[in-house]
Amino acid sequence: MVTITPKACETIKSIVAEEKKDDPIRIVFAGYSCSGPAFMMAFDKKKDDDIVLKEDGITLIYDKTLEESLKEATIDTVDTPQGPGVVVRVKSEASCGSTCAGCH
């Protein structure tokens, strides 16, 4: 099950208010990084086969095919040069070694 940190909830609420969107936020598979599967989020419409997660006024959706990959995922905040954002972190057994600067 996807977990959302309290700080991420507040950041997502702020983004939703700023964008003036009513659509749920979809978690989508974005490919593989050296530390395993990577995910991103975007506003989207719900589809019939989506899993819906509602927490603290936020609605997240994702395709059933991602259920196993997201079973221990956490949505947390991240600070970027463009301002605060959110990231989907998943547990991964992959190890990229010491030469990779992009692992989390």
N, C-alpha and C. Protein backbone atom coordinates (compact mmCIF):
# COMPACT_ATOMS: atom_id res chain seq x y z
N MET A 1 0.84 -1.19 0.00
CA MET A 1 0.00 0.00 0.00
C MET A 1 0.88 1.25 0.00
N VAL A 2 0.47 2.22 -0.72
CA VAL A 2 1.20 3.49 -0.80
C VAL A 2 0.95 4.29 0.48
N THR A 3 2.02 4.83 1.05
CA THR A 3 1.93 5.67 2.23
C THR A 3 2.30 7.09 1.83
N ILE A 4 1.57 8.06 2.35
CA ILE A 4 1.87 9.46 2.09
C ILE A 4 2.27 10.11 3.41
N THR A 5 3.44 10.75 3.44
CA THR A 5 3.86 11.43 4.66
C THR A 5 3.00 12.67 4.86
N PRO A 6 2.84 13.10 6.12
CA PRO A 6 2.05 14.32 6.37
C PRO A 6 2.57 15.54 5.60
N LYS A 7 3.88 15.69 5.53
CA LYS A 7 4.46 16.83 4.80
C LYS A 7 4.14 16.73 3.31
N ALA A 8 4.18 15.51 2.76
CA ALA A 8 3.84 15.33 1.35
C ALA A 8 2.36 15.66 1.11
N CYS A 9 1.50 15.30 2.06
CA CYS A 9 0.07 15.65 1.94
C CYS A 9 -0.10 17.16 1.80
N GLU A 10 0.57 17.90 2.65
CA GLU A 10 0.45 19.35 2.59
C GLU A 10 1.00 19.91 1.28
N THR A 11 2.13 19.36 0.81
CA THR A 11 2.72 19.82 -0.45
C THR A 11 1.78 19.51 -1.61
N ILE A 12 1.21 18.31 -1.63
CA ILE A 12 0.28 17.93 -2.71
C ILE A 12 -0.95 18.84 -2.68
N LYS A 13 -1.50 19.10 -1.50
CA LYS A 13 -2.65 20.00 -1.39
C LYS A 13 -2.33 21.38 -1.94
N SER A 14 -1.13 21.86 -1.66
CA SER A 14 -0.70 23.16 -2.15
C SER A 14 -0.61 23.16 -3.68
N ILE A 15 -0.05 22.09 -4.24
CA ILE A 15 0.06 21.98 -5.71
C ILE A 15 -1.32 21.91 -6.34
N VAL A 16 -2.23 21.13 -5.76
CA VAL A 16 -3.59 21.00 -6.28
C VAL A 16 -4.29 22.36 -6.26
N ALA A 17 -4.15 23.10 -5.17
CA ALA A 17 -4.78 24.42 -5.06
C ALA A 17 -4.18 25.39 -6.08
N GLU A 18 -2.87 25.36 -6.24
CA GLU A 18 -2.21 26.25 -7.18
C GLU A 18 -2.61 25.95 -8.62
N GLU A 19 -2.73 24.67 -8.95
CA GLU A 19 -3.10 24.25 -10.31
C GLU A 19 -4.61 24.32 -10.55
N LYS A 20 -5.38 24.46 -9.47
CA LYS A 20 -6.84 24.51 -9.55
C LYS A 20 -7.40 23.30 -10.28
N LYS A 21 -6.94 22.12 -9.86
CA LYS A 21 -7.35 20.87 -10.48
C LYS A 21 -8.29 20.09 -9.56
N ASP A 22 -9.26 19.42 -10.16
CA ASP A 22 -10.16 18.54 -9.42
C ASP A 22 -9.86 17.07 -9.70
N ASP A 23 -9.02 16.80 -10.71
CA ASP A 23 -8.71 15.43 -11.08
C ASP A 23 -7.84 14.76 -10.02
N PRO A 24 -7.99 13.44 -9.90
CA PRO A 24 -7.08 12.73 -9.00
C PRO A 24 -5.65 12.75 -9.54
N ILE A 25 -4.73 12.34 -8.71
CA ILE A 25 -3.32 12.30 -9.10
C ILE A 25 -2.95 10.86 -9.38
N ARG A 26 -2.48 10.64 -10.61
CA ARG A 26 -2.11 9.30 -11.05
C ARG A 26 -0.63 9.05 -10.80
N ILE A 27 -0.33 7.88 -10.24
CA ILE A 27 1.05 7.41 -10.13
C ILE A 27 1.30 6.53 -11.34
N VAL A 28 2.34 6.85 -12.10
CA VAL A 28 2.65 6.09 -13.32
C VAL A 28 4.09 5.59 -13.28
N PHE A 29 4.29 4.45 -13.90
CA PHE A 29 5.63 3.88 -14.04
C PHE A 29 6.40 4.74 -15.03
N ALA A 30 7.61 5.16 -14.65
CA ALA A 30 8.40 6.06 -15.50
C ALA A 30 9.66 5.39 -16.04
N GLY A 31 9.83 4.10 -15.79
CA GLY A 31 11.01 3.39 -16.26
C GLY A 31 11.84 2.89 -15.10
N TYR A 32 13.00 2.38 -15.44
CA TYR A 32 13.90 1.86 -14.41
C TYR A 32 15.10 2.77 -14.24
N SER A 33 15.47 2.97 -12.99
CA SER A 33 16.72 3.68 -12.67
C SER A 33 17.67 2.63 -12.12
N CYS A 34 18.85 3.05 -11.77
CA CYS A 34 19.82 2.09 -11.24
C CYS A 34 19.37 1.51 -9.90
N SER A 35 18.44 2.15 -9.23
CA SER A 35 17.96 1.65 -7.95
C SER A 35 16.61 0.95 -8.05
N GLY A 36 16.16 0.66 -9.27
CA GLY A 36 14.90 -0.06 -9.44
C GLY A 36 13.87 0.77 -10.19
N PRO A 37 12.58 0.40 -10.06
CA PRO A 37 11.54 1.11 -10.80
C PRO A 37 11.40 2.55 -10.31
N ALA A 38 11.10 3.43 -11.25
CA ALA A 38 10.88 4.84 -10.93
C ALA A 38 9.44 5.20 -11.30
N PHE A 39 8.86 6.10 -10.52
CA PHE A 39 7.47 6.50 -10.74
C PHE A 39 7.38 8.02 -10.77
N MET A 40 6.35 8.51 -11.44
CA MET A 40 6.06 9.94 -11.45
C MET A 40 4.57 10.10 -11.21
N MET A 41 4.14 11.34 -11.02
CA MET A 41 2.73 11.62 -10.76
C MET A 41 2.25 12.73 -11.67
N ALA A 42 0.97 12.63 -12.04
CA ALA A 42 0.35 13.65 -12.89
C ALA A 42 -1.16 13.62 -12.66
N PHE A 43 -1.80 14.75 -12.89
CA PHE A 43 -3.26 14.80 -12.82
C PHE A 43 -3.83 13.96 -13.97
N ASP A 44 -4.89 13.19 -13.68
CA ASP A 44 -5.48 12.34 -14.71
C ASP A 44 -6.90 11.95 -14.29
N LYS A 45 -7.63 11.39 -15.21
CA LYS A 45 -8.97 10.89 -14.95
C LYS A 45 -8.89 9.44 -14.48
N LYS A 46 -9.80 9.05 -13.61
CA LYS A 46 -9.87 7.67 -13.14
C LYS A 46 -10.38 6.76 -14.24
N LYS A 47 -9.78 5.57 -14.31
CA LYS A 47 -10.22 4.54 -15.24
C LYS A 47 -10.84 3.40 -14.45
N ASP A 48 -11.62 2.57 -15.11
CA ASP A 48 -12.36 1.51 -14.43
C ASP A 48 -11.47 0.55 -13.65
N ASP A 49 -10.27 0.25 -14.15
CA ASP A 49 -9.43 -0.74 -13.48
C ASP A 49 -8.38 -0.14 -12.55
N ASP A 50 -8.55 1.11 -12.18
CA ASP A 50 -7.61 1.77 -11.28
C ASP A 50 -7.84 1.41 -9.82
N ILE A 51 -6.76 1.43 -9.07
CA ILE A 51 -6.83 1.35 -7.62
C ILE A 51 -6.91 2.80 -7.13
N VAL A 52 -7.78 3.06 -6.19
CA VAL A 52 -7.99 4.41 -5.67
C VAL A 52 -7.56 4.44 -4.20
N LEU A 53 -6.75 5.43 -3.88
CA LEU A 53 -6.30 5.63 -2.50
C LEU A 53 -6.67 7.05 -2.11
N LYS A 54 -7.48 7.18 -1.06
CA LYS A 54 -7.86 8.50 -0.55
C LYS A 54 -7.26 8.67 0.83
N GLU A 55 -6.55 9.77 1.00
CA GLU A 55 -5.93 10.05 2.30
C GLU A 55 -5.88 11.55 2.53
N ASP A 56 -6.47 11.96 3.63
CA ASP A 56 -6.41 13.35 4.07
C ASP A 56 -6.81 14.34 2.97
N GLY A 57 -7.87 14.01 2.24
CA GLY A 57 -8.37 14.91 1.21
C GLY A 57 -7.68 14.80 -0.14
N ILE A 58 -6.75 13.86 -0.27
CA ILE A 58 -6.03 13.65 -1.53
C ILE A 58 -6.49 12.34 -2.14
N THR A 59 -6.71 12.34 -3.46
CA THR A 59 -7.06 11.11 -4.16
C THR A 59 -5.95 10.74 -5.11
N LEU A 60 -5.36 9.57 -4.87
CA LEU A 60 -4.34 9.01 -5.75
C LEU A 60 -4.94 7.84 -6.49
N ILE A 61 -4.52 7.65 -7.73
CA ILE A 61 -4.96 6.51 -8.51
C ILE A 61 -3.74 5.87 -9.18
N TYR A 62 -3.84 4.58 -9.41
CA TYR A 62 -2.81 3.89 -10.20
C TYR A 62 -3.39 2.60 -10.75
N ASP A 63 -2.81 2.17 -11.85
CA ASP A 63 -3.26 0.96 -12.53
C ASP A 63 -3.00 -0.26 -11.65
N LYS A 64 -3.91 -1.23 -11.71
CA LYS A 64 -3.77 -2.45 -10.92
C LYS A 64 -2.46 -3.17 -11.19
N THR A 65 -1.92 -3.03 -12.39
CA THR A 65 -0.67 -3.72 -12.73
C THR A 65 0.51 -3.21 -11.90
N LEU A 66 0.37 -2.04 -11.28
CA LEU A 66 1.45 -1.46 -10.47
C LEU A 66 1.34 -1.82 -8.99
N GLU A 67 0.29 -2.54 -8.63
CA GLU A 67 0.03 -2.82 -7.22
C GLU A 67 1.21 -3.48 -6.51
N GLU A 68 1.82 -4.47 -7.11
CA GLU A 68 2.95 -5.17 -6.48
C GLU A 68 4.16 -4.24 -6.34
N SER A 69 4.44 -3.45 -7.37
CA SER A 69 5.59 -2.54 -7.33
C SER A 69 5.43 -1.43 -6.30
N LEU A 70 4.19 -1.05 -6.02
CA LEU A 70 3.92 0.06 -5.11
C LEU A 70 3.52 -0.40 -3.70
N LYS A 71 3.61 -1.70 -3.42
CA LYS A 71 3.08 -2.19 -2.13
C LYS A 71 3.80 -1.61 -0.92
N GLU A 72 5.05 -1.19 -1.06
CA GLU A 72 5.76 -0.57 0.06
C GLU A 72 6.25 0.83 -0.31
N ALA A 73 5.53 1.50 -1.19
CA ALA A 73 5.94 2.83 -1.65
C ALA A 73 5.56 3.90 -0.63
N THR A 74 6.37 4.95 -0.61
CA THR A 74 6.11 6.11 0.23
C THR A 74 6.20 7.36 -0.64
N ILE A 75 5.22 8.22 -0.51
CA ILE A 75 5.27 9.52 -1.17
C ILE A 75 5.76 10.51 -0.13
N ASP A 76 6.84 11.19 -0.48
CA ASP A 76 7.48 12.10 0.45
C ASP A 76 7.83 13.40 -0.28
N THR A 77 8.28 14.37 0.48
CA THR A 77 8.64 15.66 -0.11
C THR A 77 10.10 15.65 -0.56
N VAL A 78 10.38 16.55 -1.48
CA VAL A 78 11.73 16.75 -1.96
C VAL A 78 11.89 18.24 -2.27
N ASP A 79 13.03 18.78 -1.94
CA ASP A 79 13.31 20.18 -2.28
C ASP A 79 14.09 20.22 -3.58
N THR A 80 13.63 21.03 -4.52
CA THR A 80 14.28 21.16 -5.81
C THR A 80 14.59 22.64 -6.06
N PRO A 81 15.42 22.93 -7.04
CA PRO A 81 15.67 24.34 -7.39
C PRO A 81 14.39 25.09 -7.78
N GLN A 82 13.38 24.35 -8.26
CA GLN A 82 12.11 24.97 -8.65
C GLN A 82 11.15 25.10 -7.47
N GLY A 83 11.53 24.60 -6.32
CA GLY A 83 10.68 24.67 -5.14
C GLY A 83 10.36 23.28 -4.62
N PRO A 84 9.48 23.20 -3.62
CA PRO A 84 9.16 21.89 -3.04
C PRO A 84 8.36 21.04 -4.01
N GLY A 85 8.56 19.74 -3.90
CA GLY A 85 7.83 18.80 -4.74
C GLY A 85 7.64 17.50 -3.98
N VAL A 86 7.16 16.51 -4.68
CA VAL A 86 6.94 15.19 -4.08
C VAL A 86 7.60 14.12 -4.94
N VAL A 87 7.94 13.03 -4.29
CA VAL A 87 8.61 11.93 -4.97
C VAL A 87 8.01 10.62 -4.46
N VAL A 88 7.95 9.62 -5.34
CA VAL A 88 7.50 8.29 -4.97
C VAL A 88 8.74 7.45 -4.71
N ARG A 89 8.91 7.01 -3.48
CA ARG A 89 10.06 6.18 -3.12
C ARG A 89 9.58 4.75 -2.93
N VAL A 90 10.28 3.83 -3.56
CA VAL A 90 9.93 2.41 -3.42
C VAL A 90 11.11 1.66 -2.84
N LYS A 91 10.79 0.61 -2.08
CA LYS A 91 11.85 -0.25 -1.57
C LYS A 91 12.41 -1.02 -2.75
N SER A 92 13.73 -1.07 -2.81
CA SER A 92 14.37 -1.77 -3.91
C SER A 92 15.54 -2.58 -3.38
N GLU A 93 15.69 -3.77 -3.93
CA GLU A 93 16.84 -4.59 -3.55
C GLU A 93 18.01 -4.30 -4.45
N ALA A 94 17.81 -3.45 -5.45
CA ALA A 94 18.89 -3.14 -6.38
C ALA A 94 19.92 -2.27 -5.68
N SER A 95 21.15 -2.45 -6.07
CA SER A 95 22.22 -1.63 -5.54
C SER A 95 23.03 -1.11 -6.70
N CYS A 96 23.27 0.17 -6.70
CA CYS A 96 23.96 0.75 -7.84
C CYS A 96 25.43 0.98 -7.56
N GLY A 97 25.89 0.72 -6.36
CA GLY A 97 27.30 0.91 -6.06
C GLY A 97 27.62 2.35 -5.76
N SER A 98 28.88 2.62 -5.55
CA SER A 98 29.28 3.95 -5.10
C SER A 98 29.46 4.96 -6.21
N THR A 99 29.39 4.54 -7.48
CA THR A 99 29.63 5.49 -8.57
C THR A 99 28.37 6.18 -9.04
N CYS A 100 27.23 5.80 -8.51
CA CYS A 100 25.96 6.36 -8.96
C CYS A 100 25.54 7.51 -8.04
N ALA A 101 25.32 8.66 -8.62
CA ALA A 101 24.90 9.81 -7.82
C ALA A 101 23.39 9.94 -7.76
N GLY A 102 22.66 9.15 -8.53
CA GLY A 102 21.22 9.33 -8.64
C GLY A 102 20.37 8.42 -7.79
N CYS A 103 20.97 7.55 -7.03
CA CYS A 103 20.16 6.61 -6.24
C CYS A 103 19.55 7.29 -5.03
N HIS A 104 18.43 6.78 -4.61
CA HIS A 104 17.77 7.27 -3.40
C HIS A 104 17.25 6.12 -2.60
